[in-house]
Amino acid sequence: MPSRRNLQKSLAATLLCAGNLASAGLVYVSSYSQTVTTLNYTHGQNTGIQKLSPVAVSQSCSDNPSWLTLDSPDSILYCINEGLNTPNGALTAFKTSPGGTLQQLGQVSTANGPVSGVVFGNNRHGHGFLCSGGSAFTTWDVSNPSKLKLLQTKNFKLTGPPADPSRQDAPHPHEAVLDPTGKFLLVPDLGMDLIHLYSFDPNTLALKDITPVSVKPGSGPRHLAFVVKGSKTFAYLVTELGNTIIGYDVTYPNGQIKLTEIFNIPSHGAGPAEPSSYAASEVVVSVSSMIQPTPAFKG
């Protein structure tokens, strides 16, 4: 199992960029060493030399900063503290600055093990994140970053015997993703072999359950990414236990979202099977629309 608890403290758990990376910008990096570091990124137009230089460090996100969510229009950075050694996690809102310093605006305690967050709703006034340790999806009103308010909690429960009891002993939601229309939230669940689907009221942020998408038993869906090509929308899901990439054609019949599987391939492509110590954990779609899975190491 890829365990974050076994990662070195110096490992950056999340890296976010603000600005035009073709020239200069700020990069935010969270680390289990209790820090969120702001780096200045420069790219010499004539020399091609790229450089990262630390400009500020904050220790206000508590013990185990993991996922960062940047709301660029409002200059707000949300930091999730995973709480590896504490009963609870935390959500912290920071005000960003051109110089890279972070000013804490608000902080609230959360359920244990928050691992991924996303902003949604009108003016990005909603923040949703997963608590893998607590098998829950929570949404928060962040319209006032100084007064973060819990709105809703969706608790997940297994509905039958798992395909892989050693890894699927409970629901393990791993990511919350906003679809390209900004109207639906998708939550891959490693423990239940499902993609939970929700619509929401853009003003009140209230969630409405939609029939989830089932994934091959024992696959362990983890992260998902969208790409829009012309009039077509596609989604790419990585499965940790199955070590695969599943492609979906995404359509919106009658204003609803529908995912139709179009392929299921090994995450490392054709050829010999990858070592058992490898497991796909993240998927990124590049600017050229190429799919890039990111491996995790079991430990």
Protein backbone atom coordinates (compact mmCIF):
# COMPACT_ATOMS: atom_id res chain seq x y z
CA MET A 1 0.00 0.00 0.00
CA PRO A 2 1.43 3.43 -0.88
CA SER A 3 1.59 4.86 2.64
CA ARG A 4 2.08 8.57 3.15
CA ARG A 5 3.15 7.80 6.68
CA ASN A 6 6.29 6.16 5.36
CA LEU A 7 7.34 9.01 3.09
CA GLN A 8 10.39 11.04 4.02
CA LYS A 9 9.52 14.29 5.78
CA SER A 10 11.27 16.26 3.05
CA LEU A 11 8.89 14.96 0.38
CA ALA A 12 6.69 17.67 -1.08
CA ALA A 13 3.14 16.43 -0.92
CA THR A 14 1.61 19.10 -3.15
CA LEU A 15 3.05 21.60 -5.61
CA LEU A 16 0.95 24.47 -7.00
CA CYS A 17 1.93 27.24 -9.38
CA ALA A 18 0.74 30.81 -9.76
CA GLY A 19 1.79 32.97 -12.66
CA ASN A 20 3.15 32.39 -16.14
CA LEU A 21 5.72 29.62 -15.92
CA ALA A 22 7.13 30.64 -19.31
CA SER A 23 8.88 33.51 -17.50
CA ALA A 24 8.31 33.75 -13.75
CA GLY A 25 5.84 32.83 -11.07
CA LEU A 26 5.31 31.51 -7.57
CA VAL A 27 5.21 27.84 -6.63
CA TYR A 28 3.60 26.63 -3.40
CA VAL A 29 4.88 23.36 -1.93
CA SER A 30 3.45 21.55 1.09
CA SER A 31 5.50 19.09 3.11
CA TYR A 32 4.95 16.69 5.97
CA SER A 33 7.77 18.54 7.71
CA GLN A 34 5.08 21.02 8.90
CA THR A 35 5.80 23.63 6.22
CA VAL A 36 4.26 25.31 3.21
CA THR A 37 7.09 26.87 1.19
CA THR A 38 6.74 29.55 -1.47
CA LEU A 39 9.29 29.29 -4.26
CA ASN A 40 10.05 31.85 -6.96
CA TYR A 41 10.26 30.20 -10.36
CA THR A 42 12.24 31.88 -13.14
CA HIS A 43 12.92 30.78 -16.68
CA GLY A 44 15.56 32.69 -18.56
CA GLN A 45 14.15 33.61 -21.95
CA ASN A 46 17.60 33.76 -23.52
CA THR A 47 19.48 31.13 -21.53
CA GLY A 48 16.64 28.66 -20.99
CA ILE A 49 17.88 28.17 -17.43
CA GLN A 50 15.10 27.34 -14.97
CA LYS A 51 15.50 28.13 -11.30
CA LEU A 52 13.48 27.69 -8.09
CA SER A 53 14.36 29.89 -5.12
CA PRO A 54 12.64 29.82 -1.70
CA VAL A 55 11.17 33.19 -0.70
CA ALA A 56 8.88 32.38 2.24
CA VAL A 57 7.95 29.55 4.63
CA SER A 58 4.79 29.12 6.71
CA GLN A 59 4.22 26.65 9.54
CA SER A 60 0.61 27.67 10.12
CA CYS A 61 -1.02 24.69 8.38
CA SER A 62 -0.36 22.44 11.41
CA ASP A 63 1.61 19.18 11.48
CA ASN A 64 1.07 17.44 8.14
CA PRO A 65 0.26 19.83 5.27
CA SER A 66 -0.73 17.73 2.28
CA TRP A 67 -3.13 19.05 -0.38
CA LEU A 68 -3.08 22.66 -1.53
CA THR A 69 -5.90 24.34 -3.48
CA LEU A 70 -5.20 27.73 -5.03
CA ASP A 71 -8.08 30.14 -5.68
CA SER A 72 -6.14 32.55 -7.90
CA PRO A 73 -8.90 35.13 -8.57
CA ASP A 74 -9.35 35.75 -4.83
CA SER A 75 -5.67 35.22 -3.92
CA ILE A 76 -6.57 32.50 -1.42
CA LEU A 77 -4.61 29.30 -0.78
CA TYR A 78 -6.36 26.46 1.06
CA CYS A 79 -4.17 23.98 2.88
CA ILE A 80 -5.31 20.59 4.16
CA ASN A 81 -3.54 19.14 7.18
CA GLU A 82 -3.81 15.35 6.97
CA GLY A 83 -3.34 14.83 10.70
CA LEU A 84 -1.22 11.70 10.50
CA ASN A 85 -0.38 11.79 14.20
CA THR A 86 -3.48 13.51 15.56
CA PRO A 87 -7.16 12.51 15.95
CA ASN A 88 -8.28 15.22 13.50
CA GLY A 89 -7.16 17.01 10.38
CA ALA A 90 -7.52 20.71 9.60
CA LEU A 91 -8.42 23.16 6.84
CA THR A 92 -6.54 26.46 6.72
CA ALA A 93 -7.14 29.49 4.48
CA PHE A 94 -4.24 31.78 3.61
CA LYS A 95 -4.12 35.11 1.81
CA THR A 96 -1.38 35.02 -0.81
CA SER A 97 0.80 37.99 -1.74
CA PRO A 98 2.93 39.00 -4.74
CA GLY A 99 6.03 38.60 -2.56
CA GLY A 100 5.16 35.01 -1.63
CA THR A 101 4.28 35.41 2.04
CA LEU A 102 1.14 33.71 3.35
CA GLN A 103 -1.20 35.30 5.90
CA GLN A 104 -3.43 32.89 7.82
CA LEU A 105 -7.06 33.96 7.64
CA GLY A 106 -8.88 31.04 9.21
CA GLN A 107 -8.44 27.46 10.39
CA VAL A 108 -10.91 24.75 11.42
CA SER A 109 -10.62 21.20 12.69
CA THR A 110 -11.88 18.44 10.35
CA ALA A 111 -12.43 14.70 10.40
CA ASN A 112 -9.32 12.55 10.32
CA GLY A 113 -7.27 12.08 7.15
CA PRO A 114 -8.30 14.79 4.66
CA VAL A 115 -6.41 14.06 1.43
CA SER A 116 -7.76 16.15 -1.47
CA GLY A 117 -9.70 19.37 -1.95
CA VAL A 118 -11.48 21.37 -4.64
CA VAL A 119 -13.27 24.74 -4.81
CA PHE A 120 -16.71 24.87 -6.45
CA GLY A 121 -19.95 26.85 -6.68
CA ASN A 122 -20.62 30.49 -7.50
CA ASN A 123 -17.50 32.61 -6.98
CA ARG A 124 -15.72 29.45 -5.77
CA HIS A 125 -17.35 29.87 -2.35
CA GLY A 126 -17.50 26.12 -1.70
CA HIS A 127 -14.63 23.85 -0.73
CA GLY A 128 -15.02 20.08 -0.72
CA PHE A 129 -12.51 17.52 0.45
CA LEU A 130 -12.17 13.85 1.23
CA CYS A 131 -11.37 12.31 4.58
CA SER A 132 -9.96 8.94 3.59
CA GLY A 133 -9.37 7.95 7.21
CA GLY A 134 -12.95 8.86 8.11
CA SER A 135 -14.53 7.53 4.89
CA ALA A 136 -16.31 10.83 4.27
CA PHE A 137 -16.74 13.70 1.83
CA THR A 138 -17.27 17.09 3.47
CA THR A 139 -18.20 20.47 2.00
CA TRP A 140 -17.46 23.86 3.50
CA ASP A 141 -18.64 27.42 3.01
CA VAL A 142 -15.47 29.44 2.38
CA SER A 143 -17.18 32.67 1.24
CA ASN A 144 -15.56 34.24 4.30
CA PRO A 145 -12.09 32.62 4.59
CA SER A 146 -11.83 33.92 8.15
CA LYS A 147 -14.95 31.98 9.18
CA LEU A 148 -14.85 28.58 7.49
CA LYS A 149 -18.17 26.80 7.98
CA LEU A 150 -18.99 23.09 7.63
CA LEU A 151 -21.98 22.55 5.33
CA GLN A 152 -22.43 18.86 4.63
CA THR A 153 -20.88 15.47 5.36
CA LYS A 154 -21.36 12.44 3.13
CA ASN A 155 -20.40 9.28 5.03
CA PHE A 156 -19.63 6.20 2.93
CA LYS A 157 -20.24 2.58 3.95
CA LEU A 158 -19.37 -0.68 2.22
CA THR A 159 -22.42 -2.34 0.67
CA GLY A 160 -20.91 -5.80 0.26
CA PRO A 161 -17.76 -7.90 0.69
CA PRO A 162 -14.73 -6.20 -0.91
CA ALA A 163 -12.76 -7.76 -3.75
CA ASP A 164 -9.48 -7.05 -1.94
CA PRO A 165 -10.08 -7.29 1.84
CA SER A 166 -6.52 -6.25 2.68
CA ARG A 167 -6.91 -2.88 0.93
CA GLN A 168 -10.66 -2.43 0.69
CA ASP A 169 -11.66 -2.99 4.30
CA ALA A 170 -13.55 0.33 4.26
CA PRO A 171 -14.45 3.10 1.81
CA HIS A 172 -11.37 5.13 0.87
CA PRO A 173 -12.38 8.22 -1.13
CA HIS A 174 -9.21 9.75 -2.51
CA GLU A 175 -10.02 12.85 -4.56
CA ALA A 176 -12.76 15.37 -5.33
CA VAL A 177 -12.81 16.62 -8.93
CA LEU A 178 -14.94 19.36 -10.50
CA ASP A 179 -16.04 18.53 -14.05
CA PRO A 180 -15.30 20.99 -16.91
CA THR A 181 -18.83 22.44 -16.83
CA GLY A 182 -18.40 23.33 -13.16
CA LYS A 183 -21.71 21.63 -12.33
CA PHE A 184 -20.70 18.18 -11.05
CA LEU A 185 -18.32 16.73 -8.46
CA LEU A 186 -16.71 13.31 -8.88
CA VAL A 187 -15.16 11.31 -6.04
CA PRO A 188 -13.12 8.16 -6.86
CA ASP A 189 -13.35 5.66 -4.00
CA LEU A 190 -10.54 3.08 -3.76
CA GLY A 191 -12.34 1.01 -1.13
CA MET A 192 -15.71 0.76 -2.87
CA ASP A 193 -14.60 0.51 -6.54
CA LEU A 194 -16.89 3.45 -7.36
CA ILE A 195 -16.83 6.98 -8.66
CA HIS A 196 -19.36 8.85 -6.53
CA LEU A 197 -21.20 11.54 -8.49
CA TYR A 198 -22.88 14.71 -7.22
CA SER A 199 -24.62 17.72 -8.64
CA PHE A 200 -24.94 20.79 -6.43
CA ASP A 201 -26.80 24.05 -6.03
CA PRO A 202 -24.28 26.72 -7.09
CA ASN A 203 -25.62 29.15 -4.48
CA THR A 204 -26.38 27.04 -1.41
CA LEU A 205 -23.71 24.43 -2.37
CA ALA A 206 -26.09 21.63 -1.29
CA LEU A 207 -25.08 18.28 -2.80
CA LYS A 208 -27.46 15.96 -4.66
CA ASP A 209 -26.54 12.29 -5.07
CA ILE A 210 -26.32 10.83 -8.57
CA THR A 211 -26.02 7.10 -9.29
CA PRO A 212 -22.29 6.32 -8.97
CA VAL A 213 -20.12 4.77 -11.68
CA SER A 214 -18.99 1.21 -10.93
CA VAL A 215 -15.39 0.23 -11.64
CA LYS A 216 -14.06 -3.31 -12.12
CA PRO A 217 -13.97 -5.03 -8.68
CA GLY A 218 -10.55 -4.86 -7.05
CA SER A 219 -9.38 -1.96 -9.23
CA GLY A 220 -9.17 0.62 -6.45
CA PRO A 221 -9.95 3.90 -8.30
CA ARG A 222 -7.82 6.73 -6.97
CA HIS A 223 -7.51 9.91 -9.08
CA LEU A 224 -9.21 11.33 -12.17
CA ALA A 225 -8.56 14.05 -14.76
CA PHE A 226 -10.65 15.62 -17.52
CA VAL A 227 -9.75 16.89 -20.97
CA VAL A 228 -11.94 18.78 -23.45
CA LYS A 229 -11.11 18.38 -27.13
CA GLY A 230 -13.37 20.41 -29.37
CA SER A 231 -16.94 19.35 -28.65
CA LYS A 232 -15.87 16.15 -26.89
CA THR A 233 -15.10 15.66 -23.19
CA PHE A 234 -13.10 12.74 -21.81
CA ALA A 235 -12.15 11.57 -18.31
CA TYR A 236 -9.15 9.45 -17.35
CA LEU A 237 -9.19 7.45 -14.13
CA VAL A 238 -6.15 5.77 -12.55
CA THR A 239 -6.69 2.70 -10.41
CA GLU A 240 -4.15 1.95 -7.71
CA LEU A 241 -4.86 -1.72 -7.08
CA GLY A 242 -5.45 -2.63 -10.71
CA ASN A 243 -2.66 -0.31 -11.91
CA THR A 244 -4.70 0.75 -14.91
CA ILE A 245 -5.92 3.84 -16.74
CA ILE A 246 -9.61 3.80 -17.62
CA GLY A 247 -10.85 6.20 -20.27
CA TYR A 248 -14.41 7.53 -20.35
CA ASP A 249 -16.47 9.40 -22.90
CA VAL A 250 -18.26 12.11 -20.90
CA THR A 251 -21.66 13.32 -22.07
CA TYR A 252 -24.43 15.42 -20.55
CA PRO A 253 -27.82 13.96 -21.56
CA ASN A 254 -30.74 16.04 -20.27
CA GLY A 255 -28.39 18.17 -18.21
CA GLN A 256 -26.97 15.19 -16.29
CA ILE A 257 -23.46 13.73 -16.43
CA LYS A 258 -22.76 10.30 -17.94
CA LEU A 259 -19.45 8.41 -18.09
CA THR A 260 -19.13 5.65 -20.71
CA GLU A 261 -16.01 3.50 -20.52
CA ILE A 262 -14.05 3.42 -23.78
CA PHE A 263 -10.81 1.71 -22.75
CA ASN A 264 -8.98 0.09 -19.83
CA ILE A 265 -5.21 -0.22 -20.23
CA PRO A 266 -2.16 -0.90 -18.00
CA SER A 267 -0.82 2.29 -16.46
CA HIS A 268 2.70 1.53 -17.73
CA GLY A 269 1.62 0.61 -21.25
CA ALA A 270 2.21 -2.59 -23.16
CA GLY A 271 4.98 -4.98 -22.18
CA PRO A 272 5.99 -6.81 -19.00
CA ALA A 273 3.90 -6.20 -15.91
CA GLU A 274 5.19 -3.50 -13.59
CA PRO A 275 6.81 -4.54 -10.28
CA SER A 276 4.40 -5.29 -7.45
CA SER A 277 5.94 -2.39 -5.49
CA TYR A 278 4.54 0.10 -8.05
CA ALA A 279 1.03 1.50 -7.97
CA ALA A 280 -0.54 4.33 -9.97
CA SER A 281 -1.55 7.21 -7.71
CA GLU A 282 -2.08 10.36 -9.78
CA VAL A 283 -2.98 11.28 -13.34
CA VAL A 284 -2.15 14.53 -15.12
CA VAL A 285 -3.18 15.64 -18.61
CA SER A 286 -0.49 17.81 -20.19
CA VAL A 287 -1.09 20.87 -22.36
CA SER A 288 -0.66 18.60 -25.40
CA SER A 289 -3.46 16.37 -24.00
CA MET A 290 -1.07 13.51 -23.27
CA ILE A 291 -1.98 11.35 -20.26
CA GLN A 292 0.72 11.00 -17.60
CA PRO A 293 0.12 8.62 -14.68
CA THR A 294 2.27 9.12 -11.60
CA PRO A 295 3.48 6.04 -9.70
CA ALA A 296 3.45 5.54 -5.98
CA PHE A 297 5.66 3.07 -4.19
CA LYS A 298 4.20 0.52 -1.81
CA GLY A 299 5.79 0.63 1.55
